[in-house]
Amino acid sequence: MALRGVRGAIIVEENTAESILLASGQLLEAMMVANPSLSPDQIASCFFTVTPDLTAEYPAKAARQLGWIDVPLICAQEMAVPHGLKRCLRVLIHWNTELSPTEIHHVYLGEAAQLRPEWEFPRR
C-alpha cells in the first residue's frame, strides 16, 4: 500500500458558513464518487486551503459532518496571488491505497476546473 495524494477544488458561492460548508461537502462527496474505494479509514490526513476572501467557516467542518471523525484535518489560507481565482477552496487528501497514481481521479468542479482542465470532473 502506498500513500497517494488526491486533489480537488471548488469555487464557493459567497463568504458565509453555509456556502463554505456546502461547497466543501459537495467537493468531498464528488471525490468519493470519483474514487469509490476512498474511505475515511484509509485517509492519513486531509489538508484544506481557502483563498483569503473565505473566512466565515472552516471547510474541515464539512468533513466532520460527513463522519470523518478520526481523520486528521487542517485548514490554511491560500496565497493571495493577484491573478488567482476568488473564493477558491482546495483540498489535498493523503490516501493509503493500492491504486496507482494514474488510477486516482482528482476532482475540480465548476469554475475551479480551469486550474487543472485535464482533471475536470466528471470527465467528458
C-alpha atoms as a PDB file:
ATOM      1  CA  MET A   1       0.000   0.000   0.000  1.00  0.00           C
ATOM      2  CA  ALA A   2       1.234   3.483  -0.858  1.00  0.00           C
ATOM      3  CA  LEU A   3       0.404   6.946   0.398  1.00  0.00           C
ATOM      4  CA  ARG A   4      -1.082   8.892  -2.519  1.00  0.00           C
ATOM      5  CA  GLY A   5      -2.428  12.402  -2.878  1.00  0.00           C
ATOM      6  CA  VAL A   6      -5.808  13.143  -4.356  1.00  0.00           C
ATOM      7  CA  ARG A   7      -6.629  16.767  -5.150  1.00  0.00           C
ATOM      8  CA  GLY A   8      -9.793  18.732  -5.544  1.00  0.00           C
ATOM      9  CA  ALA A   9     -11.066  22.294  -5.810  1.00  0.00           C
ATOM     10  CA  ILE A  10     -14.330  24.195  -5.995  1.00  0.00           C
ATOM     11  CA  ILE A  11     -15.434  27.827  -6.060  1.00  0.00           C
ATOM     12  CA  VAL A  12     -17.529  28.861  -3.054  1.00  0.00           C
ATOM     13  CA  GLU A  13     -20.562  30.988  -3.926  1.00  0.00           C
ATOM     14  CA  GLU A  14     -20.149  33.508  -1.092  1.00  0.00           C
ATOM     15  CA  ASN A  15     -18.259  34.034   2.157  1.00  0.00           C
ATOM     16  CA  THR A  16     -20.821  32.517   4.507  1.00  0.00           C
ATOM     17  CA  ALA A  17     -20.554  29.483   6.747  1.00  0.00           C
ATOM     18  CA  GLU A  18     -23.400  27.826   4.834  1.00  0.00           C
ATOM     19  CA  SER A  19     -21.749  28.330   1.422  1.00  0.00           C
ATOM     20  CA  ILE A  20     -18.336  27.139   2.610  1.00  0.00           C
ATOM     21  CA  LEU A  21     -19.783  24.001   4.224  1.00  0.00           C
ATOM     22  CA  LEU A  22     -21.987  23.284   1.207  1.00  0.00           C
ATOM     23  CA  ALA A  23     -19.088  23.620  -1.260  1.00  0.00           C
ATOM     24  CA  SER A  24     -16.710  21.628   0.925  1.00  0.00           C
ATOM     25  CA  GLY A  25     -19.259  18.836   1.353  1.00  0.00           C
ATOM     26  CA  GLN A  26     -20.036  18.769  -2.376  1.00  0.00           C
ATOM     27  CA  LEU A  27     -16.345  18.545  -3.212  1.00  0.00           C
ATOM     28  CA  LEU A  28     -15.627  15.730  -0.746  1.00  0.00           C
ATOM     29  CA  GLU A  29     -18.681  13.767  -1.882  1.00  0.00           C
ATOM     30  CA  ALA A  30     -17.667  14.170  -5.546  1.00  0.00           C
ATOM     31  CA  MET A  31     -14.166  12.956  -4.675  1.00  0.00           C
ATOM     32  CA  MET A  32     -15.634   9.834  -3.044  1.00  0.00           C
ATOM     33  CA  VAL A  33     -17.859   9.193  -6.087  1.00  0.00           C
ATOM     34  CA  ALA A  34     -14.877   9.604  -8.428  1.00  0.00           C
ATOM     35  CA  ASN A  35     -12.774   7.305  -6.222  1.00  0.00           C
ATOM     36  CA  PRO A  36     -15.192   4.631  -4.922  1.00  0.00           C
ATOM     37  CA  SER A  37     -12.581   2.922  -2.738  1.00  0.00           C
ATOM     38  CA  LEU A  38     -11.782   6.182  -0.896  1.00  0.00           C
ATOM     39  CA  SER A  39     -12.998   5.825   2.672  1.00  0.00           C
ATOM     40  CA  PRO A  40     -12.196   7.716   5.883  1.00  0.00           C
ATOM     41  CA  ASP A  41     -10.394   4.724   7.418  1.00  0.00           C
ATOM     42  CA  GLN A  42      -7.822   4.880   4.567  1.00  0.00           C
ATOM     43  CA  ILE A  43      -7.190   8.627   4.841  1.00  0.00           C
ATOM     44  CA  ALA A  44      -3.931   9.533   6.565  1.00  0.00           C
ATOM     45  CA  SER A  45      -4.798  13.247   6.666  1.00  0.00           C
ATOM     46  CA  CYS A  46      -6.649  15.949   4.787  1.00  0.00           C
ATOM     47  CA  PHE A  47      -5.401  19.475   4.104  1.00  0.00           C
ATOM     48  CA  PHE A  48      -7.827  22.244   3.103  1.00  0.00           C
ATOM     49  CA  THR A  49      -6.876  25.687   1.828  1.00  0.00           C
ATOM     50  CA  VAL A  50      -9.082  28.660   1.055  1.00  0.00           C
ATOM     51  CA  THR A  51      -8.328  31.953  -0.626  1.00  0.00           C
ATOM     52  CA  PRO A  52      -8.082  34.979   1.711  1.00  0.00           C
ATOM     53  CA  ASP A  53     -11.652  36.047   0.863  1.00  0.00           C
ATOM     54  CA  LEU A  54     -13.137  32.972   2.607  1.00  0.00           C
ATOM     55  CA  THR A  55     -13.175  33.471   6.354  1.00  0.00           C
ATOM     56  CA  ALA A  56     -16.666  32.559   7.598  1.00  0.00           C
ATOM     57  CA  GLU A  57     -16.055  28.876   8.434  1.00  0.00           C
ATOM     58  CA  TYR A  58     -13.504  26.090   8.433  1.00  0.00           C
ATOM     59  CA  PRO A  59     -14.097  23.794   5.435  1.00  0.00           C
ATOM     60  CA  ALA A  60     -12.900  20.829   7.513  1.00  0.00           C
ATOM     61  CA  LYS A  61     -16.141  21.079   9.477  1.00  0.00           C
ATOM     62  CA  ALA A  62     -17.934  19.607   6.438  1.00  0.00           C
ATOM     63  CA  ALA A  63     -15.671  16.542   6.593  1.00  0.00           C
ATOM     64  CA  ARG A  64     -16.630  16.061  10.243  1.00  0.00           C
ATOM     65  CA  GLN A  65     -20.291  16.353   9.225  1.00  0.00           C
ATOM     66  CA  LEU A  66     -19.680  13.543   6.702  1.00  0.00           C
ATOM     67  CA  GLY A  67     -18.416  11.313   9.509  1.00  0.00           C
ATOM     68  CA  TRP A  68     -14.671  11.813   9.083  1.00  0.00           C
ATOM     69  CA  ILE A  69     -14.306  11.829  12.868  1.00  0.00           C
ATOM     70  CA  ASP A  70     -10.895  10.115  13.167  1.00  0.00           C
ATOM     71  CA  VAL A  71      -9.263  11.761  10.119  1.00  0.00           C
ATOM     72  CA  PRO A  72      -6.643  14.418  10.963  1.00  0.00           C
ATOM     73  CA  LEU A  73      -7.845  17.614   9.258  1.00  0.00           C
ATOM     74  CA  ILE A  74      -6.252  21.037   8.929  1.00  0.00           C
ATOM     75  CA  CYS A  75      -7.184  24.289   7.205  1.00  0.00           C
ATOM     76  CA  ALA A  76      -4.938  27.081   5.953  1.00  0.00           C
ATOM     77  CA  GLN A  77      -5.110  30.236   3.901  1.00  0.00           C
ATOM     78  CA  GLU A  78      -4.006  30.050   0.270  1.00  0.00           C
ATOM     79  CA  MET A  79      -1.503  32.546  -1.129  1.00  0.00           C
ATOM     80  CA  ALA A  80      -3.048  35.847  -2.255  1.00  0.00           C
ATOM     81  CA  VAL A  81      -1.903  35.663  -5.883  1.00  0.00           C
ATOM     82  CA  PRO A  82      -3.290  38.692  -7.802  1.00  0.00           C
ATOM     83  CA  HIS A  83      -4.430  36.664 -10.819  1.00  0.00           C
ATOM     84  CA  GLY A  84      -5.728  33.709  -8.777  1.00  0.00           C
ATOM     85  CA  LEU A  85      -9.317  32.541  -8.567  1.00  0.00           C
ATOM     86  CA  LYS A  86     -11.519  34.215  -5.971  1.00  0.00           C
ATOM     87  CA  ARG A  87     -13.414  32.223  -3.293  1.00  0.00           C
ATOM     88  CA  CYS A  88     -11.483  29.056  -4.133  1.00  0.00           C
ATOM     89  CA  LEU A  89     -11.467  26.100  -1.762  1.00  0.00           C
ATOM     90  CA  ARG A  90      -8.832  23.410  -2.371  1.00  0.00           C
ATOM     91  CA  VAL A  91      -8.208  20.073  -0.719  1.00  0.00           C
ATOM     92  CA  LEU A  92      -5.371  17.562  -0.680  1.00  0.00           C
ATOM     93  CA  ILE A  93      -6.248  14.169   0.757  1.00  0.00           C
ATOM     94  CA  HIS A  94      -3.366  11.877   1.765  1.00  0.00           C
ATOM     95  CA  TRP A  95      -4.788   8.446   0.951  1.00  0.00           C
ATOM     96  CA  ASN A  96      -3.403   4.991   1.803  1.00  0.00           C
ATOM     97  CA  THR A  97      -4.332   2.983  -1.273  1.00  0.00           C
ATOM     98  CA  GLU A  98      -3.296   0.184  -3.571  1.00  0.00           C
ATOM     99  CA  LEU A  99      -4.214   2.333  -6.596  1.00  0.00           C
ATOM    100  CA  SER A 100      -1.518   3.681  -8.874  1.00  0.00           C
ATOM    101  CA  PRO A 101      -1.295   7.444  -9.474  1.00  0.00           C
ATOM    102  CA  THR A 102      -2.973   7.029 -12.876  1.00  0.00           C
ATOM    103  CA  GLU A 103      -5.965   5.277 -11.274  1.00  0.00           C
ATOM    104  CA  ILE A 104      -6.701   8.159  -8.919  1.00  0.00           C
ATOM    105  CA  HIS A 105      -9.299  10.696 -10.031  1.00  0.00           C
ATOM    106  CA  HIS A 106      -8.725  14.295  -8.956  1.00  0.00           C
ATOM    107  CA  VAL A 107     -11.873  16.429  -8.829  1.00  0.00           C
ATOM    108  CA  TYR A 108     -12.045  20.061  -9.945  1.00  0.00           C
ATOM    109  CA  LEU A 109     -15.644  21.261 -10.036  1.00  0.00           C
ATOM    110  CA  GLY A 110     -17.219  24.178 -11.893  1.00  0.00           C
ATOM    111  CA  GLU A 111     -15.017  27.229 -12.425  1.00  0.00           C
ATOM    112  CA  ALA A 112     -12.204  25.555 -10.474  1.00  0.00           C
ATOM    113  CA  ALA A 113     -11.752  23.154 -13.408  1.00  0.00           C
ATOM    114  CA  GLN A 114      -9.677  25.866 -15.119  1.00  0.00           C
ATOM    115  CA  LEU A 115      -6.949  25.219 -12.535  1.00  0.00           C
ATOM    116  CA  ARG A 116      -6.360  21.724 -13.910  1.00  0.00           C
ATOM    117  CA  PRO A 117      -8.511  21.229 -17.048  1.00  0.00           C
ATOM    118  CA  GLU A 118      -7.005  17.783 -17.581  1.00  0.00           C
ATOM    119  CA  TRP A 119      -8.549  16.719 -14.239  1.00  0.00           C
ATOM    120  CA  GLU A 120     -12.044  18.204 -14.758  1.00  0.00           C
ATOM    121  CA  PHE A 121     -14.782  16.071 -13.191  1.00  0.00           C
ATOM    122  CA  PRO A 122     -16.886  14.497 -14.409  1.00  0.00           C
ATOM    123  CA  ARG A 123     -14.680  13.521 -17.284  1.00  0.00           C
ATOM    124  CA  ARG A 124     -16.097  14.270 -20.716  1.00  0.00           C
END
